[in-house]
Structure formats: structure tokens, C-alpha cells
PDB file of N, CA and C in Angstrom:
ATOM      1  N   MET A   1      -5.312   3.249  -1.693  1.00  0.00           N
ATOM      2  CA  MET A   1      -5.936   2.918  -0.443  1.00  0.00           C
ATOM      3  C   MET A   1      -7.250   3.660  -0.342  1.00  0.00           C
ATOM      4  N   LYS A   2      -8.025   3.261   0.611  1.00  0.00           N
ATOM      5  CA  LYS A   2      -9.277   3.961   0.870  1.00  0.00           C
ATOM      6  C   LYS A   2      -8.989   5.010   1.932  1.00  0.00           C
ATOM      7  N   GLY A   3      -8.965   6.262   1.490  1.00  0.00           N
ATOM      8  CA  GLY A   3      -8.584   7.365   2.357  1.00  0.00           C
ATOM      9  C   GLY A   3      -7.173   7.810   2.032  1.00  0.00           C
ATOM     10  N   ASN A   4      -6.521   8.411   3.014  1.00  0.00           N
ATOM     11  CA  ASN A   4      -5.142   8.855   2.827  1.00  0.00           C
ATOM     12  C   ASN A   4      -4.386   8.661   4.132  1.00  0.00           C
ATOM     13  N   LYS A   5      -3.126   9.059   4.155  1.00  0.00           N
ATOM     14  CA  LYS A   5      -2.336   8.756   5.348  1.00  0.00           C
ATOM     15  C   LYS A   5      -2.764   9.561   6.569  1.00  0.00           C
ATOM     16  N   GLU A   6      -3.550  10.608   6.368  1.00  0.00           N
ATOM     17  CA  GLU A   6      -4.092  11.355   7.500  1.00  0.00           C
ATOM     18  C   GLU A   6      -5.388  10.733   8.019  1.00  0.00           C
ATOM     19  N   VAL A   7      -6.237  10.237   7.098  1.00  0.00           N
ATOM     20  CA  VAL A   7      -7.537   9.679   7.473  1.00  0.00           C
ATOM     21  C   VAL A   7      -7.810   8.427   6.645  1.00  0.00           C
ATOM     22  N   ALA A   8      -7.619   7.273   7.244  1.00  0.00           N
ATOM     23  CA  ALA A   8      -7.933   6.009   6.566  1.00  0.00           C
ATOM     24  C   ALA A   8      -9.442   5.807   6.587  1.00  0.00           C
ATOM     25  N   LYS A   9      -9.970   5.232   5.504  1.00  0.00           N
ATOM     26  CA  LYS A   9     -11.411   5.019   5.416  1.00  0.00           C
ATOM     27  C   LYS A   9     -11.786   3.545   5.485  1.00  0.00           C
ATOM     28  N   CYS A  10     -10.857   2.699   5.893  1.00  0.00           N
ATOM     29  CA  CYS A  10     -11.170   1.296   6.171  1.00  0.00           C
ATOM     30  C   CYS A  10     -10.065   0.734   7.065  1.00  0.00           C
ATOM     31  N   GLY A  11     -10.374  -0.366   7.711  1.00  0.00           N
ATOM     32  CA  GLY A  11      -9.419  -0.970   8.637  1.00  0.00           C
ATOM     33  C   GLY A  11      -8.143  -1.457   7.979  1.00  0.00           C
ATOM     34  N   PHE A  12      -8.253  -1.966   6.752  1.00  0.00           N
ATOM     35  CA  PHE A  12      -7.064  -2.455   6.048  1.00  0.00           C
ATOM     36  C   PHE A  12      -6.127  -1.296   5.719  1.00  0.00           C
ATOM     37  N   SER A  13      -6.701  -0.186   5.258  1.00  0.00           N
ATOM     38  CA  SER A  13      -5.882   0.993   4.962  1.00  0.00           C
ATOM     39  C   SER A  13      -5.242   1.523   6.238  1.00  0.00           C
ATOM     40  N   ARG A  14      -5.984   1.526   7.328  1.00  0.00           N
ATOM     41  CA  ARG A  14      -5.448   1.982   8.612  1.00  0.00           C
ATOM     42  C   ARG A  14      -4.242   1.126   9.023  1.00  0.00           C
ATOM     43  N   GLN A  15      -4.345  -0.172   8.828  1.00  0.00           N
ATOM     44  CA  GLN A  15      -3.241  -1.063   9.203  1.00  0.00           C
ATOM     45  C   GLN A  15      -1.998  -0.815   8.364  1.00  0.00           C
ATOM     46  N   ILE A  16      -2.187  -0.604   7.066  1.00  0.00           N
ATOM     47  CA  ILE A  16      -1.004  -0.389   6.219  1.00  0.00           C
ATOM     48  C   ILE A  16      -0.373   0.964   6.528  1.00  0.00           C
ATOM     49  N   ILE A  17      -1.194   1.961   6.887  1.00  0.00           N
ATOM     50  CA  ILE A  17      -0.658   3.260   7.297  1.00  0.00           C
ATOM     51  C   ILE A  17       0.202   3.088   8.549  1.00  0.00           C
ATOM     52  N   GLU A  18      -0.272   2.310   9.504  1.00  0.00           N
ATOM     53  CA  GLU A  18       0.502   2.067  10.726  1.00  0.00           C
ATOM     54  C   GLU A  18       1.840   1.407  10.407  1.00  0.00           C
ATOM     55  N   LEU A  19       1.827   0.439   9.500  1.00  0.00           N
ATOM     56  CA  LEU A  19       3.075  -0.223   9.105  1.00  0.00           C
ATOM     57  C   LEU A  19       4.011   0.753   8.401  1.00  0.00           C
ATOM     58  N   MET A  20       3.462   1.560   7.508  1.00  0.00           N
ATOM     59  CA  MET A  20       4.289   2.520   6.775  1.00  0.00           C
ATOM     60  C   MET A  20       4.838   3.594   7.708  1.00  0.00           C
ATOM     61  N   ASN A  21       3.997   4.108   8.602  1.00  0.00           N
ATOM     62  CA  ASN A  21       4.468   5.117   9.549  1.00  0.00           C
ATOM     63  C   ASN A  21       5.568   4.552  10.438  1.00  0.00           C
ATOM     64  N   GLY A  22       5.460   3.300  10.808  1.00  0.00           N
ATOM     65  CA  GLY A  22       6.475   2.658  11.636  1.00  0.00           C
ATOM     66  C   GLY A  22       7.778   2.387  10.907  1.00  0.00           C
ATOM     67  N   SER A  23       7.734   2.426   9.583  1.00  0.00           N
ATOM     68  CA  SER A  23       8.932   2.122   8.792  1.00  0.00           C
ATOM     69  C   SER A  23       9.915   3.279   8.744  1.00  0.00           C
ATOM     70  N   GLY A  24       9.422   4.498   8.964  1.00  0.00           N
ATOM     71  CA  GLY A  24      10.286   5.668   8.864  1.00  0.00           C
ATOM     72  C   GLY A  24      10.579   6.098   7.440  1.00  0.00           C
ATOM     73  N   VAL A  25       9.972   5.432   6.463  1.00  0.00           N
ATOM     74  CA  VAL A  25      10.182   5.758   5.054  1.00  0.00           C
ATOM     75  C   VAL A  25       9.116   6.760   4.619  1.00  0.00           C
ATOM     76  N   ASP A  26       9.518   7.798   3.892  1.00  0.00           N
ATOM     77  CA  ASP A  26       8.570   8.784   3.373  1.00  0.00           C
ATOM     78  C   ASP A  26       7.726   8.131   2.283  1.00  0.00           C
ATOM     79  N   TYR A  27       6.425   8.399   2.280  1.00  0.00           N
ATOM     80  CA  TYR A  27       5.540   7.787   1.292  1.00  0.00           C
ATOM     81  C   TYR A  27       4.361   8.699   0.986  1.00  0.00           C
ATOM     82  N   ASP A  28       3.734   8.437  -0.137  1.00  0.00           N
ATOM     83  CA  ASP A  28       2.534   9.153  -0.549  1.00  0.00           C
ATOM     84  C   ASP A  28       1.393   8.165  -0.661  1.00  0.00           C
ATOM     85  N   THR A  29       0.173   8.695  -0.640  1.00  0.00           N
ATOM     86  CA  THR A  29      -1.009   7.855  -0.785  1.00  0.00           C
ATOM     87  C   THR A  29      -1.914   8.428  -1.862  1.00  0.00           C
ATOM     88  N   PHE A  30      -2.811   7.580  -2.360  1.00  0.00           N
ATOM     89  CA  PHE A  30      -3.852   8.011  -3.292  1.00  0.00           C
ATOM     90  C   PHE A  30      -5.159   7.400  -2.820  1.00  0.00           C
ATOM     91  N   ASP A  31      -6.181   8.232  -2.664  1.00  0.00           N
ATOM     92  CA  ASP A  31      -7.496   7.775  -2.215  1.00  0.00           C
ATOM     93  C   ASP A  31      -8.294   7.286  -3.417  1.00  0.00           C
ATOM     94  N   ILE A  32      -8.401   5.973  -3.562  1.00  0.00           N
ATOM     95  CA  ILE A  32      -9.094   5.393  -4.714  1.00  0.00           C
ATOM     96  C   ILE A  32     -10.599   5.633  -4.656  1.00  0.00           C
ATOM     97  N   LEU A  33     -11.120   6.062  -3.524  1.00  0.00           N
ATOM     98  CA  LEU A  33     -12.547   6.373  -3.428  1.00  0.00           C
ATOM     99  C   LEU A  33     -12.893   7.690  -4.120  1.00  0.00           C
ATOM    100  N   GLN A  34     -11.876   8.473  -4.450  1.00  0.00           N
ATOM    101  CA  GLN A  34     -12.102   9.756  -5.107  1.00  0.00           C
ATOM    102  C   GLN A  34     -12.231   9.643  -6.622  1.00  0.00           C
ATOM    103  N   ASP A  35     -11.877   8.504  -7.198  1.00  0.00           N
ATOM    104  CA  ASP A  35     -11.898   8.362  -8.657  1.00  0.00           C
ATOM    105  C   ASP A  35     -12.217   6.916  -9.025  1.00  0.00           C
ATOM    106  N   GLU A  36     -13.470   6.667  -9.395  1.00  0.00           N
ATOM    107  CA  GLU A  36     -13.919   5.304  -9.706  1.00  0.00           C
ATOM    108  C   GLU A  36     -13.171   4.717 -10.899  1.00  0.00           C
ATOM    109  N   GLU A  37     -12.850   5.544 -11.887  1.00  0.00           N
ATOM    110  CA  GLU A  37     -12.124   5.052 -13.063  1.00  0.00           C
ATOM    111  C   GLU A  37     -10.736   4.548 -12.671  1.00  0.00           C
ATOM    112  N   VAL A  38     -10.044   5.305 -11.849  1.00  0.00           N
ATOM    113  CA  VAL A  38      -8.728   4.878 -11.368  1.00  0.00           C
ATOM    114  C   VAL A  38      -8.876   3.637 -10.494  1.00  0.00           C
ATOM    115  N   ARG A  39      -9.891   3.625  -9.656  1.00  0.00           N
ATOM    116  CA  ARG A  39     -10.116   2.486  -8.760  1.00  0.00           C
ATOM    117  C   ARG A  39     -10.249   1.184  -9.541  1.00  0.00           C
ATOM    118  N   GLN A  40     -11.070   1.178 -10.564  1.00  0.00           N
ATOM    119  CA  GLN A  40     -11.271  -0.031 -11.363  1.00  0.00           C
ATOM    120  C   GLN A  40     -10.075  -0.309 -12.278  1.00  0.00           C
ATOM    121  N   GLY A  41      -9.523   0.744 -12.854  1.00  0.00           N
ATOM    122  CA  GLY A  41      -8.390   0.585 -13.762  1.00  0.00           C
ATOM    123  C   GLY A  41      -7.154   0.033 -13.083  1.00  0.00           C
ATOM    124  N   LEU A  42      -6.920   0.449 -11.858  1.00  0.00           N
ATOM    125  CA  LEU A  42      -5.744  -0.023 -11.130  1.00  0.00           C
ATOM    126  C   LEU A  42      -5.853  -1.507 -10.800  1.00  0.00           C
ATOM    127  N   LYS A  43      -7.064  -1.969 -10.517  1.00  0.00           N
ATOM    128  CA  LYS A  43      -7.259  -3.408 -10.277  1.00  0.00           C
ATOM    129  C   LYS A  43      -6.884  -4.213 -11.519  1.00  0.00           C
ATOM    130  N   THR A  44      -7.269  -3.705 -12.682  1.00  0.00           N
ATOM    131  CA  THR A  44      -6.946  -4.378 -13.941  1.00  0.00           C
ATOM    132  C   THR A  44      -5.449  -4.306 -14.218  1.00  0.00           C
ATOM    133  N   TYR A  45      -4.887  -3.107 -14.078  1.00  0.00           N
ATOM    134  CA  TYR A  45      -3.465  -2.888 -14.338  1.00  0.00           C
ATOM    135  C   TYR A  45      -2.595  -3.786 -13.457  1.00  0.00           C
ATOM    136  N   SER A  46      -2.927  -3.825 -12.179  1.00  0.00           N
ATOM    137  CA  SER A  46      -2.088  -4.553 -11.221  1.00  0.00           C
ATOM    138  C   SER A  46      -2.414  -6.041 -11.149  1.00  0.00           C
ATOM    139  N   ASN A  47      -3.581  -6.407 -11.670  1.00  0.00           N
ATOM    140  CA  ASN A  47      -4.078  -7.776 -11.524  1.00  0.00           C
ATOM    141  C   ASN A  47      -4.158  -8.152 -10.039  1.00  0.00           C
ATOM    142  N   TRP A  48      -4.496  -7.169  -9.222  1.00  0.00           N
ATOM    143  CA  TRP A  48      -4.639  -7.341  -7.776  1.00  0.00           C
ATOM    144  C   TRP A  48      -6.016  -6.811  -7.405  1.00  0.00           C
ATOM    145  N   PRO A  49      -6.911  -7.646  -6.895  1.00  0.00           N
ATOM    146  CA  PRO A  49      -8.321  -7.271  -6.765  1.00  0.00           C
ATOM    147  C   PRO A  49      -8.692  -6.413  -5.561  1.00  0.00           C
ATOM    148  N   THR A  50      -7.788  -6.232  -4.621  1.00  0.00           N
ATOM    149  CA  THR A  50      -8.166  -5.551  -3.385  1.00  0.00           C
ATOM    150  C   THR A  50      -7.289  -4.337  -3.107  1.00  0.00           C
ATOM    151  N   TYR A  51      -7.761  -3.517  -2.186  1.00  0.00           N
ATOM    152  CA  TYR A  51      -7.012  -2.354  -1.706  1.00  0.00           C
ATOM    153  C   TYR A  51      -6.867  -2.475  -0.201  1.00  0.00           C
ATOM    154  N   PRO A  52      -5.777  -1.941   0.336  1.00  0.00           N
ATOM    155  CA  PRO A  52      -4.753  -1.121  -0.289  1.00  0.00           C
ATOM    156  C   PRO A  52      -3.743  -1.942  -1.092  1.00  0.00           C
ATOM    157  N   GLN A  53      -3.059  -1.236  -1.982  1.00  0.00           N
ATOM    158  CA  GLN A  53      -1.979  -1.823  -2.769  1.00  0.00           C
ATOM    159  C   GLN A  53      -0.729  -0.984  -2.524  1.00  0.00           C
ATOM    160  N   LEU A  54       0.390  -1.640  -2.283  1.00  0.00           N
ATOM    161  CA  LEU A  54       1.648  -0.934  -2.047  1.00  0.00           C
ATOM    162  C   LEU A  54       2.525  -1.035  -3.288  1.00  0.00           C
ATOM    163  N   TYR A  55       2.970   0.123  -3.756  1.00  0.00           N
ATOM    164  CA  TYR A  55       3.893   0.200  -4.888  1.00  0.00           C
ATOM    165  C   TYR A  55       5.188   0.842  -4.415  1.00  0.00           C
ATOM    166  N   VAL A  56       6.308   0.324  -4.887  1.00  0.00           N
ATOM    167  CA  VAL A  56       7.615   0.916  -4.631  1.00  0.00           C
ATOM    168  C   VAL A  56       8.276   1.117  -5.979  1.00  0.00           C
ATOM    169  N   LYS A  57       8.620   2.358  -6.262  1.00  0.00           N
ATOM    170  CA  LYS A  57       9.240   2.723  -7.542  1.00  0.00           C
ATOM    171  C   LYS A  57       8.417   2.210  -8.718  1.00  0.00           C
ATOM    172  N   GLY A  58       7.083   2.331  -8.608  1.00  0.00           N
ATOM    173  CA  GLY A  58       6.184   1.950  -9.690  1.00  0.00           C
ATOM    174  C   GLY A  58       5.877   0.472  -9.794  1.00  0.00           C
ATOM    175  N   GLU A  59       6.446  -0.344  -8.923  1.00  0.00           N
ATOM    176  CA  GLU A  59       6.232  -1.791  -8.974  1.00  0.00           C
ATOM    177  C   GLU A  59       5.326  -2.228  -7.828  1.00  0.00           C
ATOM    178  N   LEU A  60       4.308  -3.025  -8.156  1.00  0.00           N
ATOM    179  CA  LEU A  60       3.406  -3.533  -7.130  1.00  0.00           C
ATOM    180  C   LEU A  60       4.140  -4.496  -6.206  1.00  0.00           C
ATOM    181  N   ILE A  61       4.074  -4.216  -4.919  1.00  0.00           N
ATOM    182  CA  ILE A  61       4.630  -5.120  -3.913  1.00  0.00           C
ATOM    183  C   ILE A  61       3.550  -6.089  -3.460  1.00  0.00           C
ATOM    184  N   GLY A  62       2.342  -5.571  -3.239  1.00  0.00           N
ATOM    185  CA  GLY A  62       1.216  -6.404  -2.838  1.00  0.00           C
ATOM    186  C   GLY A  62       0.253  -5.647  -1.954  1.00  0.00           C
ATOM    187  N   GLY A  63      -0.633  -6.391  -1.327  1.00  0.00           N
ATOM    188  CA  GLY A  63      -1.616  -5.820  -0.428  1.00  0.00           C
ATOM    189  C   GLY A  63      -1.174  -5.927   1.019  1.00  0.00           C
ATOM    190  N   LEU A  64      -2.113  -5.695   1.909  1.00  0.00           N
ATOM    191  CA  LEU A  64      -1.809  -5.677   3.337  1.00  0.00           C
ATOM    192  C   LEU A  64      -1.179  -6.980   3.815  1.00  0.00           C
ATOM    193  N   ASP A  65      -1.691  -8.114   3.389  1.00  0.00           N
ATOM    194  CA  ASP A  65      -1.135  -9.397   3.845  1.00  0.00           C
ATOM    195  C   ASP A  65       0.336  -9.536   3.473  1.00  0.00           C
ATOM    196  N   ILE A  66       0.678  -9.130   2.258  1.00  0.00           N
ATOM    197  CA  ILE A  66       2.079  -9.206   1.806  1.00  0.00           C
ATOM    198  C   ILE A  66       2.950  -8.268   2.634  1.00  0.00           C
ATOM    199  N   VAL A  67       2.452  -7.052   2.871  1.00  0.00           N
ATOM    200  CA  VAL A  67       3.221  -6.084   3.657  1.00  0.00           C
ATOM    201  C   VAL A  67       3.431  -6.609   5.076  1.00  0.00           C
ATOM    202  N   LYS A  68       2.412  -7.211   5.662  1.00  0.00           N
ATOM    203  CA  LYS A  68       2.561  -7.807   6.999  1.00  0.00           C
ATOM    204  C   LYS A  68       3.609  -8.916   6.992  1.00  0.00           C
ATOM    205  N   GLU A  69       3.582  -9.759   5.962  1.00  0.00           N
ATOM    206  CA  GLU A  69       4.572 -10.836   5.855  1.00  0.00           C
ATOM    207  C   GLU A  69       5.982 -10.275   5.741  1.00  0.00           C
ATOM    208  N   LEU A  70       6.142  -9.211   4.951  1.00  0.00           N
ATOM    209  CA  LEU A  70       7.453  -8.585   4.802  1.00  0.00           C
ATOM    210  C   LEU A  70       7.933  -8.012   6.132  1.00  0.00           C
ATOM    211  N   LYS A  71       7.031  -7.406   6.879  1.00  0.00           N
ATOM    212  CA  LYS A  71       7.377  -6.858   8.197  1.00  0.00           C
ATOM    213  C   LYS A  71       7.820  -7.979   9.133  1.00  0.00           C
ATOM    214  N   GLU A  72       7.043  -9.056   9.173  1.00  0.00           N
ATOM    215  CA  GLU A  72       7.351 -10.177  10.065  1.00  0.00           C
ATOM    216  C   GLU A  72       8.667 -10.857   9.711  1.00  0.00           C
ATOM    217  N   SER A  73       8.993 -10.900   8.420  1.00  0.00           N
ATOM    218  CA  SER A  73      10.232 -11.558   7.990  1.00  0.00           C
ATOM    219  C   SER A  73      11.452 -10.647   8.100  1.00  0.00           C
ATOM    220  N   GLY A  74      11.208  -9.357   8.371  1.00  0.00           N
ATOM    221  CA  GLY A  74      12.316  -8.410   8.460  1.00  0.00           C
ATOM    222  C   GLY A  74      12.734  -7.824   7.127  1.00  0.00           C
ATOM    223  N   ASP A  75      11.975  -8.094   6.074  1.00  0.00           N
ATOM    224  CA  ASP A  75      12.340  -7.626   4.738  1.00  0.00           C
ATOM    225  C   ASP A  75      11.671  -6.320   4.323  1.00  0.00           C
ATOM    226  N   LEU A  76      10.742  -5.808   5.124  1.00  0.00           N
ATOM    227  CA  LEU A  76       9.975  -4.636   4.701  1.00  0.00           C
ATOM    228  C   LEU A  76      10.857  -3.426   4.433  1.00  0.00           C
ATOM    229  N   GLN A  77      11.789  -3.139   5.317  1.00  0.00           N
ATOM    230  CA  GLN A  77      12.642  -1.957   5.143  1.00  0.00           C
ATOM    231  C   GLN A  77      13.394  -1.987   3.817  1.00  0.00           C
ATOM    232  N   SER A  78      14.009  -3.100   3.495  1.00  0.00           N
ATOM    233  CA  SER A  78      14.784  -3.163   2.255  1.00  0.00           C
ATOM    234  C   SER A  78      13.875  -3.071   1.035  1.00  0.00           C
ATOM    235  N   VAL A  79      12.676  -3.646   1.111  1.00  0.00           N
ATOM    236  CA  VAL A  79      11.727  -3.543  -0.004  1.00  0.00           C
ATOM    237  C   VAL A  79      11.292  -2.095  -0.182  1.00  0.00           C
ATOM    238  N   LEU A  80      10.979  -1.414   0.913  1.00  0.00           N
ATOM    239  CA  LEU A  80      10.539  -0.024   0.828  1.00  0.00           C
ATOM    240  C   LEU A  80      11.632   0.891   0.290  1.00  0.00           C
ATOM    241  N   LYS A  81      12.858   0.535   0.539  1.00  0.00           N
ATOM    242  CA  LYS A  81      13.981   1.330   0.033  1.00  0.00           C
ATOM    243  C   LYS A  81      14.366   0.938  -1.385  1.00  0.00           C
ATOM    244  N   GLY A  82      13.653  -0.041  -1.948  1.00  0.00           N
ATOM    245  CA  GLY A  82      13.923  -0.472  -3.316  1.00  0.00           C
ATOM    246  C   GLY A  82      15.156  -1.325  -3.447  1.00  0.00           C
ATOM    247  N   GLU A  83      15.559  -1.971  -2.370  1.00  0.00           N
ATOM    248  CA  GLU A  83      16.776  -2.784  -2.382  1.00  0.00           C
ATOM    249  C   GLU A  83      16.515  -4.224  -2.801  1.00  0.00           C
ATOM    250  N   ASN A  84      15.264  -4.629  -2.864  1.00  0.00           N
ATOM    251  CA  ASN A  84      14.929  -6.015  -3.266  1.00  0.00           C
ATOM    252  C   ASN A  84      14.246  -6.012  -4.598  1.00  0.00           C
TER     253      ASN A  84
END
């Protein structure tokens, strides 16, 4: 994400932080603005062109739109717990 869970540096990151904080699940963040090599490499690795990106147990779940869809469908909690 752009920033971290204490200070988001874009609106999309802020929204995903709000969703994650509301989930009650413990999580970590990585500020991709601090390392250009990681920023570009992660886009290639994940084949996902935008940030933020949500990973659970090392697997890409998706970006903000996917996380919002999971929240709306009621599936976010189980995905965050690695149950799906």
C-alpha cells in the first residue's frame, strides 16, 4: 500500500485500512513508496497493476475493489482468516 496502517498516503490505501481495521483481524502493511524496486517487482510478481494489494498467507486476494466486494458479500472475514 501507499503508506502504512498508521498513515495512509492515498485514498485507496485509506479505504483498505478502514476495511481491515473493521475486520478485527491483525495485519501488517508495507509502504511500497519506500522501495521502488519492490514496488515495480510486486506488480510483476502479482500480475496486479495497482496498489493496495491484499495478501493472505502469501496469496494475492486482490485490490481494493475485490476487498470491497468480499466485504459486501460477507466473505471478507473467512478470506482474511484463510478459510477460503
